Each structure stands twice: as C-alpha cells, then as structure tokens.
Amino acid sequence: MVPRHSAADGSPALRRRRSPRQYVPMWRRSALPPAHWRVVDDSGTDSFGRSLPGPGTRTMELWRLTLEAKNIPHLVAGHGANQRLFVPALREGLARSELAALTAESHARAPAAVEVHHNAHWALCALLILMFWHGLRMGWWPLPLAHLPDPDYWLLCGGLHVHRVRALGEWWRTATALTLHADSRHLFSNLLFGAPFLILLARRLGLGLALGLTLLAGILGDTLNVLFRPPEHSSVGFSTALFGMTGLLCADTVIRDNGAQGFKHRALPPLAAGLALLAMLGTEGERTDYAAHIFGLLSGFGLGLAVSSLLKRLGPPPRLLSWSAGLAVPLFLLWCWDKAFQ
C-alpha cells in the first residue's frame, strides 16, 4: 500500500501550484468595459494580458490602430500600469493573432544595430600627422635635412591649380592639395572641426575604411571643383575632405540606422544636418572655397550611399581589407607628392 502524502510534504501538486509560471501579479480590471469583454495583448493565446507594467502609451496606440484597421471592436480602459485593451470575447482569438503578427513583423523589419569599432580614437593620429606635415613644410623646427623646399614651393607643386590639372593632367594635385594649408589658423580650424566627425565615422565604419573613404571623398570633391571653377582658380586645404566625411556620416546614418522607413524620410534629416553645417562653417570668410565644401559634402554623401549599402547587404568588411585601406592612405599621398616634385 502506497502511503498518501499531505500538501505539507512537498507533493508534486503543491510544487506546481507554487511554480512561478502560475503566479499572476495584482491587477485591477477597469469597470468601464462590459463583463464579457476580454483583455488582449501581443503575447499569443497563452497570456492573460495582465502582466505589470502595462504596454505603454505608444504601443497601446499602435495596437488600437491595428484593431481599428481590421474592424475589430475594442476599448482602451484603465490608468497607468493598469491600462489595457479590451475586445468582445468572440473576437479575442482574432485580436490576439493580429497583435502577435504585428509584433513579429516589427521585429523582422527592425534594422540590425551598427557595429561600434572601439579603436576610433586612433583616427586622431592621422590628424596629428597632418599637423606634423604642416610644421615640416613651414619650418617650425630645425631638421637635419638638406635642401628642404620652402613653403611657397610646396604650394606651387602641390596646390590645386585648375589650369594645370585640366591642361597638363596633373591629377595628383586633387590629393596633395588636401594636405596643404595656407596658414596655421587654416590648419587648426580644420583639425578642430574634423576630429569629432572623423572619430564618429571611424566608430561606424572602422578606422581604415574611414580614412580611405575620407581621402577618396576629398579627391572626388576636388575633382568636381576643378571641373566647375575657371582655369585661374587655385585652392588648398583639408576642408574638402572634412565635408566629405560629413557626407559619409550622413549617408551611413541614412542607410544603416532606420531601415523600416522610406528612403525620403530617412535621407532628409541627415542631409539637412550636413547642409546646416555647411552653412555655418563652409561659407564664411573671403578666401573660403565654398564650392569645394559643397562638392566635398555631395561626394561624401554619394560615396557613402554606395559603400553603406554594400555594408548593410554583405556585413562588415574583413579586418585585413579595412587595415589595408588605412595603410594605403599615407602610401598613396606619398606617391602623389613624389609625382608632384618630379
């Protein structure tokens, strides 16, 4: 004869009653809905819809619009954490299935989070090298180098002279001009405003890819400026690449941050922010080459749309490719300067 156990002995029946899965928190039903109306949520048929806290005002409004579109009678009642959505008992299953499908669709369309690269602070080394390059050209400190060219000769060989690029095919000037500055004020203003954008871009794209795309956007911006300006025009400065990295950052935000919205709604806010920055920083001063700033922003935005679309489709590039792009930047600039001094 098998002995019977009381509830105090820890029987399986008692353990099931004490299971946390069967625990229902304190919840107060509103008196407004009829007694035969049921609470619904997006948790499927296994949920009572009474878990605390409530779904929130934004979610509740989305649920209400969904049921309204399906012509399902509904009523929102309660206050604060007790606010719930009620439907007639005969429509409970249909309402729950519609809300569950809405939640599943929202999760499926949610864009993947952009990977954050934690070595972005090393991008400041590139700007420090640019400052060292300027000091070398201007003779800030004595160096044991014989026949170091004077500052004007650097401008003559590497500045962006439209006539020489068009007539003589000296295309390397579109790159070397990015490393030259008219004076220290010009240099430090570009470094001050360029550092935050370069760090943000490197955090999203990776250090090597950010440096490579910034240089490419600057070269494209200078190329468009050469085609637009008259033959006697000349310019120097990193600001074209600065606005190029701004366009890259805006484009990457458009493509990889808000995938569930339409392209027009995603593109307008970042592009408007870039144009506002252009209006504030890129059109002041008598010697400011505003056309180069505009072309840099447009080049970076167009290049960023293409690259960010590939990153969204194929995923982040291999680390070797990213580092190769970063190492190619100084090598390419040195090669361009070698062409300039020939």
Protein backbone atom coordinates (compact mmCIF):
# COMPACT_ATOMS: atom_id res chain seq x y z
CA MET A 1 0.00 0.00 0.00
CA VAL A 2 1.47 3.31 -1.12
CA PRO A 3 1.29 5.96 1.60
CA ARG A 4 -0.52 9.15 0.80
CA HIS A 5 1.37 12.43 1.24
CA SER A 6 -0.21 15.56 2.50
CA ALA A 7 0.33 19.01 0.93
CA ALA A 8 2.83 19.82 3.69
CA ASP A 9 5.12 17.01 2.43
CA GLY A 10 6.04 18.90 -0.75
CA SER A 11 3.96 16.86 -3.19
CA PRO A 12 4.25 17.50 -6.95
CA ALA A 13 0.77 19.02 -6.94
CA LEU A 14 1.84 21.60 -4.39
CA ARG A 15 5.05 22.36 -6.27
CA ARG A 16 3.02 23.00 -9.41
CA ARG A 17 0.77 25.38 -7.52
CA ARG A 18 3.83 27.21 -6.19
CA SER A 19 5.51 27.40 -9.62
CA PRO A 20 6.45 30.96 -10.65
CA ARG A 21 4.84 30.37 -14.05
CA GLN A 22 1.41 30.26 -12.43
CA TYR A 23 1.95 33.47 -10.46
CA VAL A 24 -0.42 36.27 -11.53
CA PRO A 25 0.52 39.76 -10.29
CA MET A 26 -2.00 42.07 -8.70
CA TRP A 27 -4.07 43.67 -11.43
CA ARG A 28 -7.24 45.71 -11.20
CA ARG A 29 -9.76 45.46 -14.02
CA SER A 30 -11.45 48.66 -15.07
CA ALA A 31 -15.22 48.87 -14.59
CA LEU A 32 -15.77 50.56 -17.98
CA PRO A 33 -15.68 47.56 -20.36
CA PRO A 34 -18.57 45.06 -20.28
CA ALA A 35 -18.07 41.96 -18.16
CA HIS A 36 -17.88 39.64 -21.18
CA TRP A 37 -15.06 41.64 -22.86
CA ARG A 38 -11.55 40.18 -22.61
CA VAL A 39 -8.11 41.68 -22.20
CA VAL A 40 -5.82 41.14 -25.23
CA ASP A 41 -2.15 41.74 -25.93
CA ASP A 42 0.52 40.55 -28.39
CA SER A 43 1.71 37.55 -26.33
CA GLY A 44 -0.49 34.96 -28.02
CA THR A 45 -3.19 32.75 -26.57
CA ASP A 46 -1.14 31.64 -23.54
CA SER A 47 -1.12 35.07 -21.91
CA PHE A 48 -3.81 36.64 -19.74
CA GLY A 49 -2.66 40.13 -20.73
CA ARG A 50 -2.38 41.19 -17.10
CA SER A 51 1.38 41.34 -16.63
CA LEU A 52 2.69 44.51 -14.99
CA PRO A 53 3.62 47.13 -16.05
CA GLY A 54 1.33 47.83 -18.98
CA PRO A 55 2.41 48.00 -22.64
CA GLY A 56 2.82 51.80 -22.66
CA THR A 57 1.01 54.60 -24.47
CA ARG A 58 2.84 54.29 -27.80
CA THR A 59 2.35 50.53 -28.04
CA MET A 60 -1.27 50.84 -26.97
CA GLU A 61 -1.93 53.39 -29.72
CA LEU A 62 -0.34 51.10 -32.29
CA TRP A 63 -2.49 48.18 -31.13
CA ARG A 64 -5.60 50.33 -31.27
CA LEU A 65 -4.88 51.42 -34.85
CA THR A 66 -4.26 47.80 -35.86
CA LEU A 67 -7.61 46.59 -34.48
CA GLU A 68 -9.36 49.59 -36.00
CA ALA A 69 -7.93 48.74 -39.41
CA LYS A 70 -9.30 45.17 -39.04
CA ASN A 71 -12.75 46.42 -37.89
CA ILE A 72 -12.44 44.66 -34.53
CA PRO A 73 -14.43 46.38 -31.74
CA HIS A 74 -12.11 47.45 -28.96
CA LEU A 75 -11.89 49.66 -25.89
CA VAL A 76 -8.90 51.08 -24.04
CA ALA A 77 -9.59 51.35 -20.30
CA GLY A 78 -7.63 51.76 -17.11
CA HIS A 79 -4.95 54.15 -15.92
CA GLY A 80 -1.18 53.94 -15.68
CA ALA A 81 0.12 50.38 -15.33
CA ASN A 82 -3.45 49.04 -15.38
CA GLN A 83 -4.31 50.43 -18.82
CA ARG A 84 -5.38 47.57 -21.09
CA LEU A 85 -7.03 46.85 -24.42
CA PHE A 86 -10.39 45.05 -24.32
CA VAL A 87 -12.31 43.27 -27.12
CA PRO A 88 -15.50 41.16 -27.15
CA ALA A 89 -14.99 37.53 -26.12
CA LEU A 90 -15.89 36.25 -29.61
CA ARG A 91 -13.16 38.42 -31.16
CA GLU A 92 -10.45 37.60 -28.62
CA GLY A 93 -8.63 35.00 -30.73
CA LEU A 94 -8.64 37.17 -33.86
CA ALA A 95 -7.43 40.22 -31.95
CA ARG A 96 -4.61 38.30 -30.28
CA SER A 97 -3.45 36.84 -33.60
CA GLU A 98 -3.42 40.29 -35.26
CA LEU A 99 -1.41 41.85 -32.44
CA ALA A 100 1.05 38.93 -32.38
CA ALA A 101 1.53 39.23 -36.16
CA LEU A 102 2.14 42.96 -35.79
CA THR A 103 4.86 42.39 -33.19
CA ALA A 104 6.52 39.65 -35.27
CA GLU A 105 6.55 41.92 -38.34
CA SER A 106 8.03 44.80 -36.35
CA HIS A 107 10.84 42.57 -35.06
CA ALA A 108 11.52 41.25 -38.56
CA ARG A 109 11.80 44.75 -40.03
CA ALA A 110 13.93 46.17 -37.24
CA PRO A 111 17.38 47.08 -38.63
CA ALA A 112 20.41 45.42 -37.14
CA ALA A 113 22.45 47.57 -34.81
CA VAL A 114 25.53 49.12 -36.38
CA GLU A 115 28.72 47.57 -35.04
CA VAL A 116 30.74 50.05 -33.00
CA HIS A 117 34.51 50.00 -33.52
CA HIS A 118 36.37 50.82 -30.32
CA ASN A 119 39.68 51.83 -31.92
CA ALA A 120 38.26 55.04 -33.39
CA HIS A 121 40.40 57.28 -31.17
CA TRP A 122 43.43 56.25 -33.23
CA ALA A 123 41.96 58.36 -36.03
CA LEU A 124 43.40 61.37 -34.21
CA CYS A 125 46.87 60.11 -35.16
CA ALA A 126 46.04 60.87 -38.80
CA LEU A 127 45.25 64.48 -37.88
CA LEU A 128 48.43 64.72 -35.81
CA ILE A 129 50.43 63.54 -38.84
CA LEU A 130 48.71 66.24 -40.90
CA MET A 131 49.77 68.83 -38.31
CA PHE A 132 53.34 67.48 -38.31
CA TRP A 133 53.35 67.68 -42.10
CA HIS A 134 52.33 71.35 -41.95
CA GLY A 135 55.02 72.10 -39.39
CA LEU A 136 57.61 70.38 -41.58
CA ARG A 137 56.57 72.46 -44.57
CA MET A 138 56.50 75.74 -42.64
CA GLY A 139 59.83 75.10 -40.86
CA TRP A 140 58.51 75.15 -37.28
CA TRP A 141 61.54 73.22 -36.05
CA PRO A 142 65.04 72.66 -37.48
CA LEU A 143 65.56 69.29 -39.10
CA PRO A 144 68.81 67.72 -40.38
CA LEU A 145 67.54 67.74 -43.95
CA ALA A 146 69.38 69.41 -46.75
CA HIS A 147 67.54 71.35 -49.46
CA LEU A 148 64.14 71.25 -47.76
CA PRO A 149 61.71 73.11 -50.05
CA ASP A 150 60.40 76.45 -48.82
CA PRO A 151 56.65 76.83 -48.04
CA ASP A 152 55.81 78.58 -51.32
CA TYR A 153 57.41 75.80 -53.34
CA TRP A 154 55.16 73.23 -51.66
CA LEU A 155 52.12 75.30 -52.68
CA LEU A 156 53.43 75.62 -56.22
CA CYS A 157 53.98 71.89 -56.63
CA GLY A 158 51.01 70.50 -54.71
CA GLY A 159 48.31 73.15 -54.70
CA LEU A 160 45.09 72.64 -56.62
CA HIS A 161 45.67 74.77 -59.74
CA VAL A 162 42.73 74.27 -62.07
CA HIS A 163 44.67 75.10 -65.24
CA ARG A 164 47.49 72.65 -64.52
CA VAL A 165 45.05 69.85 -63.69
CA ARG A 166 42.98 70.41 -66.83
CA ALA A 167 45.67 71.28 -69.34
CA LEU A 168 48.64 69.25 -68.07
CA GLY A 169 46.79 66.32 -66.50
CA GLU A 170 48.38 66.78 -63.06
CA TRP A 171 45.56 64.88 -61.34
CA TRP A 172 47.64 64.15 -58.24
CA ARG A 173 47.03 67.75 -57.16
CA THR A 174 43.49 66.75 -56.14
CA ALA A 175 45.13 64.67 -53.39
CA THR A 176 48.20 66.74 -52.47
CA ALA A 177 46.10 69.90 -52.06
CA LEU A 178 44.24 68.21 -49.20
CA THR A 179 47.48 68.10 -47.16
CA LEU A 180 48.33 71.80 -47.62
CA HIS A 181 47.05 74.79 -45.64
CA ALA A 182 47.50 78.49 -46.18
CA ASP A 183 48.45 79.20 -42.56
CA SER A 184 48.24 77.82 -39.02
CA ARG A 185 44.75 79.23 -38.44
CA HIS A 186 43.50 77.40 -41.52
CA LEU A 187 45.10 74.17 -40.30
CA PHE A 188 43.85 74.23 -36.71
CA SER A 189 40.30 75.18 -37.69
CA ASN A 190 40.14 72.10 -39.93
CA LEU A 191 41.64 69.91 -37.20
CA LEU A 192 39.23 71.26 -34.58
CA PHE A 193 36.10 70.61 -36.63
CA GLY A 194 37.41 67.49 -38.35
CA ALA A 195 38.37 65.48 -35.25
CA PRO A 196 34.82 64.79 -33.94
CA PHE A 197 33.49 63.79 -37.36
CA LEU A 198 36.44 61.55 -38.11
CA ILE A 199 36.06 59.76 -34.75
CA LEU A 200 32.32 59.25 -35.30
CA LEU A 201 32.92 57.93 -38.80
CA ALA A 202 35.66 55.57 -37.60
CA ARG A 203 33.37 54.23 -34.88
CA ARG A 204 30.78 53.27 -37.50
CA LEU A 205 32.96 52.13 -40.42
CA GLY A 206 36.24 51.16 -38.81
CA LEU A 207 39.47 53.14 -38.72
CA GLY A 208 40.99 52.01 -42.02
CA LEU A 209 37.82 52.26 -44.07
CA ALA A 210 37.00 55.69 -42.61
CA LEU A 211 40.43 57.09 -43.53
CA GLY A 212 40.32 55.62 -47.04
CA LEU A 213 36.82 56.89 -47.78
CA THR A 214 37.61 60.33 -46.36
CA LEU A 215 40.58 60.69 -48.70
CA LEU A 216 38.55 59.41 -51.66
CA ALA A 217 35.67 61.81 -50.91
CA GLY A 218 38.13 64.70 -50.72
CA ILE A 219 39.70 63.74 -54.05
CA LEU A 220 36.29 63.47 -55.70
CA GLY A 221 35.28 66.84 -54.26
CA ASP A 222 38.46 68.48 -55.58
CA THR A 223 37.90 66.87 -58.98
CA LEU A 224 34.39 68.30 -59.22
CA ASN A 225 35.73 71.66 -58.09
CA VAL A 226 38.29 71.59 -60.91
CA LEU A 227 35.54 70.96 -63.44
CA PHE A 228 33.42 73.79 -62.02
CA ARG A 229 35.99 76.53 -61.40
CA PRO A 230 37.63 78.79 -64.02
CA PRO A 231 41.21 77.98 -65.13
CA GLU A 232 42.83 80.67 -62.96
CA HIS A 233 41.37 79.31 -59.72
CA SER A 234 43.57 77.66 -57.08
CA SER A 235 42.89 76.31 -53.59
CA VAL A 236 44.38 74.21 -50.79
CA GLY A 237 43.08 72.69 -47.57
CA PHE A 238 41.69 69.61 -45.86
CA SER A 239 38.20 71.13 -45.57
CA THR A 240 37.00 69.39 -48.75
CA ALA A 241 37.73 66.04 -47.12
CA LEU A 242 36.21 67.32 -43.86
CA PHE A 243 32.87 67.92 -45.55
CA GLY A 244 33.37 64.65 -47.39
CA MET A 245 33.49 62.75 -44.09
CA THR A 246 30.38 64.68 -43.01
CA GLY A 247 28.60 63.40 -46.12
CA LEU A 248 29.85 59.88 -45.44
CA LEU A 249 28.50 60.02 -41.90
CA CYS A 250 25.12 61.32 -43.08
CA ALA A 251 24.84 58.63 -45.76
CA ASP A 252 25.72 55.84 -43.37
CA THR A 253 23.05 57.10 -40.97
CA VAL A 254 20.53 57.10 -43.83
CA ILE A 255 21.27 53.56 -44.98
CA ARG A 256 22.03 51.58 -41.83
CA ASP A 257 20.10 53.24 -38.99
CA ASN A 258 16.42 53.43 -39.99
CA GLY A 259 15.74 50.63 -42.41
CA ALA A 260 11.99 50.45 -41.68
CA GLN A 261 11.19 53.94 -43.03
CA GLY A 262 11.02 55.27 -46.56
CA PHE A 263 14.19 56.50 -48.22
CA LYS A 264 12.97 60.09 -48.50
CA HIS A 265 12.12 60.29 -44.80
CA ARG A 266 15.47 58.73 -43.87
CA ALA A 267 17.57 60.90 -46.20
CA LEU A 268 16.20 64.35 -45.45
CA PRO A 269 17.18 64.80 -41.75
CA PRO A 270 20.88 63.78 -42.08
CA LEU A 271 21.30 65.68 -45.34
CA ALA A 272 19.66 68.75 -43.82
CA ALA A 273 22.07 68.49 -40.88
CA GLY A 274 25.01 68.35 -43.28
CA LEU A 275 23.74 71.37 -45.21
CA ALA A 276 23.25 73.27 -41.94
CA LEU A 277 26.86 72.52 -41.00
CA LEU A 278 27.92 73.69 -44.45
CA ALA A 279 26.01 76.94 -43.98
CA MET A 280 27.59 77.56 -40.57
CA LEU A 281 31.19 76.56 -41.27
CA GLY A 282 31.70 76.35 -45.02
CA THR A 283 30.67 79.74 -46.42
CA GLU A 284 32.41 82.25 -44.14
CA GLY A 285 35.49 84.26 -44.99
CA GLU A 286 36.71 85.96 -48.14
CA ARG A 287 39.15 83.16 -49.02
CA THR A 288 36.73 80.31 -48.33
CA ASP A 289 36.27 77.97 -51.28
CA TYR A 290 32.57 77.30 -50.75
CA ALA A 291 32.28 75.27 -53.96
CA ALA A 292 34.91 72.81 -52.71
CA HIS A 293 32.94 72.39 -49.49
CA ILE A 294 29.71 71.72 -51.36
CA PHE A 295 31.35 69.25 -53.73
CA GLY A 296 33.05 67.53 -50.79
CA LEU A 297 29.74 67.10 -48.98
CA LEU A 298 27.98 65.79 -52.10
CA SER A 299 30.87 63.46 -52.97
CA GLY A 300 30.95 62.03 -49.47
CA PHE A 301 27.19 61.56 -49.41
CA GLY A 302 27.11 59.78 -52.79
CA LEU A 303 30.11 57.62 -51.94
CA GLY A 304 28.64 56.84 -48.54
CA LEU A 305 25.33 55.70 -50.03
CA ALA A 306 27.14 53.16 -52.20
CA VAL A 307 29.53 51.88 -49.50
CA SER A 308 26.95 51.74 -46.71
CA SER A 309 24.54 49.84 -48.96
CA LEU A 310 27.23 47.21 -49.52
CA LEU A 311 27.99 47.05 -45.80
CA LYS A 312 24.31 46.62 -45.00
CA ARG A 313 23.98 43.82 -47.56
CA LEU A 314 27.28 41.99 -47.09
CA GLY A 315 28.16 42.86 -43.50
CA PRO A 316 31.37 44.47 -42.20
CA PRO A 317 34.47 44.04 -44.38
CA PRO A 318 37.29 41.69 -43.36
CA ARG A 319 39.75 43.21 -40.94
CA LEU A 320 42.59 42.75 -43.40
CA LEU A 321 40.74 44.79 -46.03
CA SER A 322 39.98 47.57 -43.55
CA TRP A 323 43.58 47.82 -42.38
CA SER A 324 44.82 47.71 -45.98
CA ALA A 325 42.60 50.67 -46.84
CA GLY A 326 44.01 52.60 -43.89
CA LEU A 327 47.64 51.83 -44.74
CA ALA A 328 47.05 52.74 -48.38
CA VAL A 329 46.20 56.34 -47.44
CA PRO A 330 49.72 57.56 -46.43
CA LEU A 331 51.37 55.46 -49.15
CA PHE A 332 49.11 56.96 -51.80
CA LEU A 333 49.72 60.50 -50.56
CA LEU A 334 53.50 59.99 -50.55
CA TRP A 335 53.31 58.66 -54.09
CA CYS A 336 51.29 61.71 -55.17
CA TRP A 337 53.86 64.03 -53.59
CA ASP A 338 56.63 62.14 -55.36
CA LYS A 339 54.81 62.83 -58.64
CA ALA A 340 54.41 66.48 -57.66
CA PHE A 341 58.16 67.01 -57.07
CA GLN A 342 59.25 65.31 -60.29
